[in-house]
Amino acid sequence: MLVTHEARHAAWADRIVFLRDGRVVDETGAAPVDLLAEPTAR
C-alpha cells in the first residue's frame, strides 16, 4: 500500500482509491475484494 498525493507515483498502482474527508469517493483498477461476503458453495 502506498498513500500519496503525487499522481506520478499513483500511476504505478494497479488500483487507486480516492478519499475525501475519510470516505471512498471513487476508485480505479481491479475490482474490490469483499472480505465480508459469504463464500460460495461449489
C-alpha atoms as a PDB file:
ATOM      1  CA  MET A   1       0.000   0.000   0.000  1.00  0.00           C
ATOM      2  CA  LEU A   2       1.175   3.479  -0.862  1.00  0.00           C
ATOM      3  CA  VAL A   3      -0.510   6.685   0.227  1.00  0.00           C
ATOM      4  CA  THR A   4       0.362   9.715  -1.893  1.00  0.00           C
ATOM      5  CA  HIS A   5      -0.854  12.978  -3.324  1.00  0.00           C
ATOM      6  CA  GLU A   6       1.541  12.595  -6.270  1.00  0.00           C
ATOM      7  CA  ALA A   7      -0.138  11.419  -9.497  1.00  0.00           C
ATOM      8  CA  ARG A   8       3.228  10.257 -10.876  1.00  0.00           C
ATOM      9  CA  HIS A   9       3.568   7.761  -8.006  1.00  0.00           C
ATOM     10  CA  ALA A  10      -0.065   6.650  -8.159  1.00  0.00           C
ATOM     11  CA  ALA A  11       0.387   5.891 -11.873  1.00  0.00           C
ATOM     12  CA  TRP A  12       2.386   2.772 -10.914  1.00  0.00           C
ATOM     13  CA  ALA A  13      -0.533   1.275  -8.968  1.00  0.00           C
ATOM     14  CA  ASP A  14      -2.855  -1.489 -10.178  1.00  0.00           C
ATOM     15  CA  ARG A  15      -5.670   0.045  -8.149  1.00  0.00           C
ATOM     16  CA  ILE A  16      -6.241   3.605  -6.939  1.00  0.00           C
ATOM     17  CA  VAL A  17      -8.755   4.576  -4.254  1.00  0.00           C
ATOM     18  CA  PHE A  18      -9.728   8.239  -3.919  1.00  0.00           C
ATOM     19  CA  LEU A  19     -10.689   9.518  -0.469  1.00  0.00           C
ATOM     20  CA  ARG A  20     -12.395  12.739   0.573  1.00  0.00           C
ATOM     21  CA  ASP A  21     -12.867  13.533   4.256  1.00  0.00           C
ATOM     22  CA  GLY A  22     -12.036   9.909   5.136  1.00  0.00           C
ATOM     23  CA  ARG A  23     -14.585   8.364   2.770  1.00  0.00           C
ATOM     24  CA  VAL A  24     -14.076   6.500  -0.510  1.00  0.00           C
ATOM     25  CA  VAL A  25     -15.399   8.703  -3.315  1.00  0.00           C
ATOM     26  CA  ASP A  26     -14.010   6.879  -6.363  1.00  0.00           C
ATOM     27  CA  GLU A  27     -11.673   4.058  -7.378  1.00  0.00           C
ATOM     28  CA  THR A  28      -9.955   2.685 -10.449  1.00  0.00           C
ATOM     29  CA  GLY A  29      -8.334  -0.607 -11.377  1.00  0.00           C
ATOM     30  CA  ALA A  30      -9.006  -4.090 -10.055  1.00  0.00           C
ATOM     31  CA  ALA A  31     -12.417  -4.982  -8.659  1.00  0.00           C
ATOM     32  CA  PRO A  32     -12.567  -4.556  -4.876  1.00  0.00           C
ATOM     33  CA  VAL A  33     -12.454  -7.693  -2.762  1.00  0.00           C
ATOM     34  CA  ASP A  34     -15.460  -8.011  -0.460  1.00  0.00           C
ATOM     35  CA  LEU A  35     -13.933  -9.604   2.641  1.00  0.00           C
ATOM     36  CA  LEU A  36     -17.327  -9.820   4.337  1.00  0.00           C
ATOM     37  CA  ALA A  37     -19.016 -11.818   1.579  1.00  0.00           C
ATOM     38  CA  GLU A  38     -20.040 -15.391   2.295  1.00  0.00           C
ATOM     39  CA  PRO A  39     -18.023 -17.985   0.349  1.00  0.00           C
ATOM     40  CA  THR A  40     -19.980 -19.613  -2.458  1.00  0.00           C
ATOM     41  CA  ALA A  41     -20.583 -23.367  -2.420  1.00  0.00           C
ATOM     42  CA  ARG A  42     -19.166 -25.425  -5.272  1.00  0.00           C
END
